[in-house]
């Protein structure tokens, strides 16, 4: 599933993303962000051995604590039961359940594309969520 950011936050497609809060590890943050942004509760959750960093754009600096220069994203994969449909937060205005090739064509950032490829490799090898 991909989410489309609202225009004021870039208007691009991506997976669920978000920051780690105080006293939270990346796994806890990923589960919380999934629920906050989509109201989806995973039946299984898996850490992917891939993370990347990028500089905070000036236009989005207000979204982060003062002094934040770079954002590190850790990649996770969640299995969602067929009975669930997302309820989007105010950060996104669309969602789309995609097959792999469609998702690749919608993603804008090379790191998101690489993350999706790694998740797909795990799923097709039988080792994924």
N, C-alpha and C. Protein backbone atom coordinates (compact mmCIF):
# COMPACT_ATOMS: atom_id res chain seq x y z
N UNK A 1 0.84 -1.17 0.00
CA UNK A 1 0.00 0.00 0.00
C UNK A 1 0.89 1.24 0.00
N UNK A 2 0.53 2.19 -0.84
CA UNK A 2 1.21 3.48 -0.86
C UNK A 2 0.24 4.56 -0.44
N UNK A 3 0.79 5.62 0.14
CA UNK A 3 0.03 6.78 0.57
C UNK A 3 0.50 7.99 -0.23
N UNK A 4 -0.42 8.89 -0.56
CA UNK A 4 -0.05 10.11 -1.27
C UNK A 4 -0.10 11.28 -0.29
N UNK A 5 1.03 11.95 -0.13
CA UNK A 5 1.13 13.12 0.73
C UNK A 5 0.21 14.23 0.24
N UNK A 6 -0.33 15.00 1.16
CA UNK A 6 -1.13 16.15 0.76
C UNK A 6 -0.21 17.14 0.04
N UNK A 7 -0.75 17.99 -0.84
CA UNK A 7 0.09 18.91 -1.62
C UNK A 7 1.05 19.76 -0.78
N UNK A 8 0.61 20.25 0.37
CA UNK A 8 1.49 21.09 1.19
C UNK A 8 2.67 20.33 1.78
N UNK A 9 2.61 19.00 1.71
CA UNK A 9 3.73 18.17 2.19
C UNK A 9 4.41 17.44 1.04
N UNK A 10 4.24 17.93 -0.17
CA UNK A 10 4.99 17.41 -1.30
C UNK A 10 4.17 16.72 -2.36
N UNK A 11 2.99 16.19 -2.03
CA UNK A 11 2.11 15.57 -3.01
C UNK A 11 2.66 14.32 -3.68
N UNK A 12 3.58 13.62 -3.04
CA UNK A 12 4.18 12.43 -3.66
C UNK A 12 3.72 11.16 -2.96
N UNK A 13 3.89 10.04 -3.66
CA UNK A 13 3.54 8.72 -3.13
C UNK A 13 4.69 8.17 -2.32
N UNK A 14 4.35 7.47 -1.23
CA UNK A 14 5.35 6.85 -0.37
C UNK A 14 4.66 5.81 0.51
N UNK A 15 5.47 5.06 1.23
CA UNK A 15 4.92 4.17 2.24
C UNK A 15 4.65 4.97 3.50
N UNK A 16 4.23 4.30 4.54
CA UNK A 16 4.04 4.96 5.83
C UNK A 16 5.41 5.39 6.34
N UNK A 17 5.53 6.62 6.80
CA UNK A 17 6.78 7.11 7.36
C UNK A 17 6.48 7.91 8.63
N UNK A 18 7.51 8.12 9.41
CA UNK A 18 7.34 8.94 10.60
C UNK A 18 8.57 8.89 11.47
N UNK A 19 8.57 9.72 12.48
CA UNK A 19 9.73 9.84 13.36
C UNK A 19 9.61 9.02 14.63
N UNK A 20 10.75 8.79 15.22
CA UNK A 20 10.84 8.11 16.51
C UNK A 20 10.64 9.16 17.60
N UNK A 21 9.74 8.88 18.52
CA UNK A 21 9.49 9.79 19.63
C UNK A 21 10.36 9.41 20.82
N UNK A 22 10.42 10.31 21.79
CA UNK A 22 11.22 10.09 23.00
C UNK A 22 10.84 8.76 23.65
N UNK A 23 11.84 8.01 24.09
CA UNK A 23 11.68 6.71 24.76
C UNK A 23 11.04 5.65 23.87
N UNK A 24 11.27 5.74 22.57
CA UNK A 24 10.69 4.80 21.61
C UNK A 24 11.81 4.27 20.73
N UNK A 25 11.76 2.99 20.39
CA UNK A 25 12.74 2.46 19.44
C UNK A 25 12.10 2.47 18.05
N UNK A 26 12.90 2.25 17.00
CA UNK A 26 12.35 2.31 15.63
C UNK A 26 11.20 1.34 15.37
N UNK A 27 11.22 0.15 15.97
CA UNK A 27 10.13 -0.81 15.76
C UNK A 27 8.83 -0.27 16.37
N UNK A 28 8.92 0.24 17.58
CA UNK A 28 7.74 0.83 18.22
C UNK A 28 7.22 2.02 17.41
N UNK A 29 8.14 2.84 16.93
CA UNK A 29 7.74 4.01 16.13
C UNK A 29 7.04 3.59 14.85
N UNK A 30 7.56 2.57 14.18
CA UNK A 30 6.95 2.10 12.93
C UNK A 30 5.53 1.60 13.16
N UNK A 31 5.33 0.83 14.21
CA UNK A 31 3.99 0.31 14.52
C UNK A 31 3.04 1.46 14.86
N UNK A 32 3.50 2.42 15.66
CA UNK A 32 2.68 3.57 16.02
C UNK A 32 2.32 4.39 14.80
N UNK A 33 3.31 4.66 13.92
CA UNK A 33 3.05 5.47 12.73
C UNK A 33 2.05 4.79 11.80
N UNK A 34 2.16 3.48 11.65
CA UNK A 34 1.20 2.75 10.81
C UNK A 34 -0.22 2.97 11.32
N UNK A 35 -0.40 2.85 12.61
CA UNK A 35 -1.73 3.04 13.20
C UNK A 35 -2.16 4.50 13.10
N UNK A 36 -1.26 5.44 13.41
CA UNK A 36 -1.62 6.86 13.35
C UNK A 36 -2.00 7.31 11.94
N UNK A 37 -1.25 6.87 10.95
CA UNK A 37 -1.46 7.36 9.59
C UNK A 37 -2.54 6.61 8.83
N UNK A 38 -2.86 5.37 9.25
CA UNK A 38 -3.81 4.56 8.47
C UNK A 38 -4.88 3.86 9.31
N UNK A 39 -4.70 3.80 10.62
CA UNK A 39 -5.57 3.03 11.51
C UNK A 39 -5.50 1.52 11.24
N UNK A 40 -4.51 1.08 10.48
CA UNK A 40 -4.34 -0.34 10.20
C UNK A 40 -3.53 -0.98 11.32
N UNK A 41 -3.93 -2.18 11.71
CA UNK A 41 -3.22 -2.93 12.74
C UNK A 41 -2.62 -4.16 12.06
N UNK A 42 -1.29 -4.28 12.08
CA UNK A 42 -0.65 -5.40 11.39
C UNK A 42 -0.85 -6.73 12.11
N UNK A 43 -0.98 -7.80 11.33
CA UNK A 43 -1.00 -9.14 11.91
C UNK A 43 0.42 -9.68 12.07
N UNK A 44 1.36 -9.08 11.34
CA UNK A 44 2.77 -9.45 11.43
C UNK A 44 3.58 -8.23 11.04
N UNK A 45 4.75 -8.10 11.65
CA UNK A 45 5.58 -6.92 11.45
C UNK A 45 7.02 -7.39 11.36
N UNK A 46 7.76 -6.94 10.36
CA UNK A 46 9.12 -7.44 10.15
C UNK A 46 10.08 -6.28 9.87
N UNK A 47 11.23 -6.31 10.55
CA UNK A 47 12.28 -5.33 10.30
C UNK A 47 13.04 -5.75 9.04
N UNK A 48 13.29 -4.79 8.16
CA UNK A 48 14.07 -5.02 6.95
C UNK A 48 15.46 -4.44 7.18
N UNK A 49 16.48 -5.15 6.80
CA UNK A 49 17.85 -4.70 7.04
C UNK A 49 18.24 -3.62 6.02
N UNK A 50 17.57 -2.45 6.13
CA UNK A 50 17.86 -1.34 5.24
C UNK A 50 17.39 -0.05 5.89
N UNK A 51 18.25 0.94 5.90
CA UNK A 51 17.89 2.28 6.34
C UNK A 51 18.68 3.27 5.50
N UNK A 52 18.24 4.50 5.49
CA UNK A 52 18.89 5.54 4.72
C UNK A 52 18.62 6.89 5.37
N UNK A 53 19.45 7.87 5.05
CA UNK A 53 19.30 9.21 5.60
C UNK A 53 19.23 10.22 4.48
N UNK A 54 18.59 11.34 4.77
CA UNK A 54 18.52 12.45 3.82
C UNK A 54 18.39 13.76 4.60
N UNK A 55 18.84 14.86 4.01
CA UNK A 55 18.74 16.15 4.71
C UNK A 55 17.30 16.65 4.75
N UNK A 56 16.97 17.36 5.82
CA UNK A 56 15.65 17.97 5.95
C UNK A 56 15.59 19.18 5.01
N UNK A 57 14.57 19.20 4.16
CA UNK A 57 14.38 20.36 3.28
C UNK A 57 13.90 21.54 4.13
N UNK A 58 14.35 22.72 3.78
CA UNK A 58 13.98 23.92 4.54
C UNK A 58 12.46 24.06 4.66
N UNK A 59 11.73 23.75 3.61
CA UNK A 59 10.27 23.95 3.64
C UNK A 59 9.57 22.99 4.61
N UNK A 60 10.25 21.91 5.01
CA UNK A 60 9.66 20.95 5.95
C UNK A 60 10.30 21.00 7.33
N UNK A 61 11.23 21.92 7.55
CA UNK A 61 11.97 22.00 8.82
C UNK A 61 11.04 22.19 10.01
N UNK A 62 9.92 22.87 9.83
CA UNK A 62 8.97 23.12 10.92
C UNK A 62 8.35 21.83 11.48
N UNK A 63 8.43 20.74 10.72
CA UNK A 63 7.85 19.48 11.15
C UNK A 63 8.72 18.73 12.16
N UNK A 64 9.98 19.15 12.33
CA UNK A 64 10.95 18.41 13.13
C UNK A 64 11.46 19.24 14.30
N UNK A 65 11.99 18.57 15.32
CA UNK A 65 12.56 19.32 16.45
C UNK A 65 13.67 20.25 15.99
N UNK A 66 13.81 21.36 16.67
CA UNK A 66 14.84 22.35 16.35
C UNK A 66 16.22 21.68 16.29
N UNK A 67 16.98 22.05 15.30
CA UNK A 67 18.33 21.51 15.14
C UNK A 67 18.41 20.24 14.32
N UNK A 68 17.28 19.66 13.91
CA UNK A 68 17.30 18.44 13.10
C UNK A 68 17.81 18.78 11.71
N UNK A 69 18.88 18.13 11.31
CA UNK A 69 19.47 18.37 9.99
C UNK A 69 19.22 17.22 9.01
N UNK A 70 19.25 16.00 9.54
CA UNK A 70 19.07 14.80 8.72
C UNK A 70 18.01 13.90 9.33
N UNK A 71 17.34 13.16 8.45
CA UNK A 71 16.33 12.19 8.86
C UNK A 71 16.83 10.82 8.44
N UNK A 72 16.78 9.86 9.36
CA UNK A 72 17.10 8.48 9.03
C UNK A 72 15.81 7.69 9.03
N UNK A 73 15.56 6.99 7.93
CA UNK A 73 14.38 6.13 7.84
C UNK A 73 14.82 4.67 7.88
N UNK A 74 14.15 3.90 8.74
CA UNK A 74 14.37 2.47 8.87
C UNK A 74 13.20 1.79 8.18
N UNK A 75 13.46 0.70 7.49
CA UNK A 75 12.42 0.06 6.69
C UNK A 75 11.85 -1.15 7.42
N UNK A 76 10.52 -1.24 7.38
CA UNK A 76 9.77 -2.33 7.99
C UNK A 76 8.71 -2.79 7.00
N UNK A 77 8.21 -3.98 7.23
CA UNK A 77 7.16 -4.54 6.40
C UNK A 77 6.07 -5.06 7.33
N UNK A 78 4.82 -4.74 6.98
CA UNK A 78 3.68 -5.16 7.81
C UNK A 78 2.70 -5.95 6.96
N UNK A 79 2.16 -7.00 7.53
CA UNK A 79 1.10 -7.77 6.87
C UNK A 79 -0.22 -7.28 7.46
N UNK A 80 -1.14 -6.97 6.56
CA UNK A 80 -2.46 -6.47 6.95
C UNK A 80 -3.50 -7.48 6.49
N UNK A 81 -4.45 -7.80 7.35
CA UNK A 81 -5.50 -8.74 6.96
C UNK A 81 -6.40 -8.13 5.90
N UNK A 82 -7.01 -8.97 5.11
CA UNK A 82 -7.87 -8.52 4.01
C UNK A 82 -9.07 -7.70 4.47
N UNK A 83 -9.49 -7.85 5.71
CA UNK A 83 -10.68 -7.18 6.19
C UNK A 83 -10.48 -5.71 6.48
N UNK A 84 -9.24 -5.23 6.52
CA UNK A 84 -8.96 -3.85 6.91
C UNK A 84 -8.81 -2.93 5.70
N UNK A 85 -9.36 -1.75 5.83
CA UNK A 85 -9.13 -0.66 4.87
C UNK A 85 -8.63 0.53 5.67
N UNK A 86 -7.70 1.29 5.12
CA UNK A 86 -7.13 2.41 5.88
C UNK A 86 -8.10 3.58 6.06
N UNK A 87 -7.89 4.28 7.15
CA UNK A 87 -8.51 5.57 7.41
C UNK A 87 -7.34 6.54 7.52
N UNK A 88 -7.19 7.40 6.53
CA UNK A 88 -6.01 8.25 6.44
C UNK A 88 -6.01 9.41 7.44
N UNK A 89 -4.80 9.73 7.90
CA UNK A 89 -4.62 10.91 8.74
C UNK A 89 -4.61 12.14 7.84
N UNK A 90 -4.45 13.29 8.45
CA UNK A 90 -4.43 14.56 7.69
C UNK A 90 -3.18 14.72 6.83
N UNK A 91 -2.19 13.83 6.98
CA UNK A 91 -0.94 13.94 6.21
C UNK A 91 -1.08 13.44 4.77
N UNK A 92 -2.11 12.63 4.51
CA UNK A 92 -2.26 12.00 3.20
C UNK A 92 -3.68 12.21 2.69
N UNK A 93 -3.82 12.25 1.36
CA UNK A 93 -5.15 12.42 0.79
C UNK A 93 -5.60 11.25 -0.08
N UNK A 94 -4.70 10.28 -0.30
CA UNK A 94 -5.06 9.09 -1.08
C UNK A 94 -4.25 7.90 -0.59
N UNK A 95 -4.78 6.72 -0.84
CA UNK A 95 -4.01 5.49 -0.64
C UNK A 95 -4.29 4.59 -1.84
N UNK A 96 -3.40 3.66 -2.05
CA UNK A 96 -3.56 2.72 -3.15
C UNK A 96 -2.89 1.40 -2.79
N UNK A 97 -3.67 0.31 -2.87
CA UNK A 97 -3.08 -1.03 -2.76
C UNK A 97 -2.50 -1.32 -4.14
N UNK A 98 -1.21 -1.63 -4.20
CA UNK A 98 -0.52 -1.77 -5.48
C UNK A 98 0.16 -3.12 -5.62
N UNK A 99 0.25 -3.56 -6.85
CA UNK A 99 1.17 -4.65 -7.18
C UNK A 99 2.56 -4.02 -7.26
N UNK A 100 3.58 -4.84 -7.21
CA UNK A 100 4.96 -4.37 -7.14
C UNK A 100 5.30 -3.37 -8.25
N UNK A 101 5.04 -3.71 -9.51
CA UNK A 101 5.42 -2.83 -10.62
C UNK A 101 4.70 -1.49 -10.58
N UNK A 102 3.43 -1.50 -10.20
CA UNK A 102 2.69 -0.25 -10.09
C UNK A 102 3.28 0.62 -8.98
N UNK A 103 3.59 0.02 -7.85
CA UNK A 103 4.19 0.77 -6.74
C UNK A 103 5.52 1.38 -7.16
N UNK A 104 6.34 0.60 -7.85
CA UNK A 104 7.63 1.13 -8.33
C UNK A 104 7.43 2.36 -9.21
N UNK A 105 6.42 2.32 -10.06
CA UNK A 105 6.20 3.44 -10.98
C UNK A 105 5.68 4.69 -10.27
N UNK A 106 5.07 4.53 -9.10
CA UNK A 106 4.53 5.68 -8.37
C UNK A 106 5.55 6.34 -7.44
N UNK A 107 6.52 5.57 -6.98
CA UNK A 107 7.48 6.11 -6.02
C UNK A 107 8.42 7.12 -6.68
N UNK A 108 8.74 8.16 -5.94
CA UNK A 108 9.57 9.26 -6.46
C UNK A 108 11.03 9.16 -6.03
N UNK A 109 11.27 8.77 -4.81
CA UNK A 109 12.61 8.81 -4.23
C UNK A 109 13.34 7.48 -4.43
N UNK A 110 14.61 7.53 -4.85
CA UNK A 110 15.39 6.28 -5.07
C UNK A 110 15.46 5.40 -3.83
N UNK A 111 15.53 5.99 -2.65
CA UNK A 111 15.62 5.19 -1.42
C UNK A 111 14.31 4.44 -1.17
N UNK A 112 13.17 5.07 -1.48
CA UNK A 112 11.89 4.37 -1.35
C UNK A 112 11.80 3.21 -2.33
N UNK A 113 12.31 3.43 -3.53
CA UNK A 113 12.31 2.38 -4.55
C UNK A 113 13.18 1.20 -4.09
N UNK A 114 14.35 1.50 -3.57
CA UNK A 114 15.24 0.44 -3.07
C UNK A 114 14.59 -0.30 -1.90
N UNK A 115 13.94 0.42 -1.01
CA UNK A 115 13.26 -0.21 0.12
C UNK A 115 12.19 -1.18 -0.37
N UNK A 116 11.40 -0.75 -1.36
CA UNK A 116 10.35 -1.61 -1.91
C UNK A 116 10.96 -2.85 -2.57
N UNK A 117 12.04 -2.67 -3.30
CA UNK A 117 12.71 -3.81 -3.94
C UNK A 117 13.19 -4.83 -2.90
N UNK A 118 13.74 -4.34 -1.80
CA UNK A 118 14.21 -5.25 -0.76
C UNK A 118 13.05 -6.00 -0.11
N UNK A 119 11.95 -5.30 0.12
CA UNK A 119 10.77 -5.97 0.68
C UNK A 119 10.25 -7.02 -0.29
N UNK A 120 10.20 -6.69 -1.57
CA UNK A 120 9.73 -7.63 -2.58
C UNK A 120 10.62 -8.87 -2.65
N UNK A 121 11.93 -8.68 -2.56
CA UNK A 121 12.84 -9.84 -2.58
C UNK A 121 12.55 -10.77 -1.40
N UNK A 122 12.32 -10.19 -0.24
CA UNK A 122 11.98 -11.04 0.92
C UNK A 122 10.67 -11.77 0.73
N UNK A 123 9.67 -11.08 0.21
CA UNK A 123 8.37 -11.71 -0.01
C UNK A 123 8.44 -12.82 -1.04
N UNK A 124 9.13 -12.59 -2.15
CA UNK A 124 9.20 -13.59 -3.21
C UNK A 124 10.11 -14.75 -2.84
N UNK A 125 11.01 -14.55 -1.87
CA UNK A 125 11.85 -15.66 -1.42
C UNK A 125 11.17 -16.52 -0.36
N UNK A 126 10.00 -16.05 0.11
CA UNK A 126 9.27 -16.78 1.13
C UNK A 126 9.70 -16.45 2.55
N UNK A 127 10.57 -15.43 2.71
CA UNK A 127 11.07 -15.07 4.04
C UNK A 127 10.42 -13.83 4.62
N UNK A 128 9.45 -13.26 3.93
CA UNK A 128 8.87 -12.00 4.39
C UNK A 128 7.58 -12.19 5.16
N UNK A 129 7.16 -11.06 5.77
CA UNK A 129 5.94 -11.02 6.57
C UNK A 129 4.81 -11.64 5.78
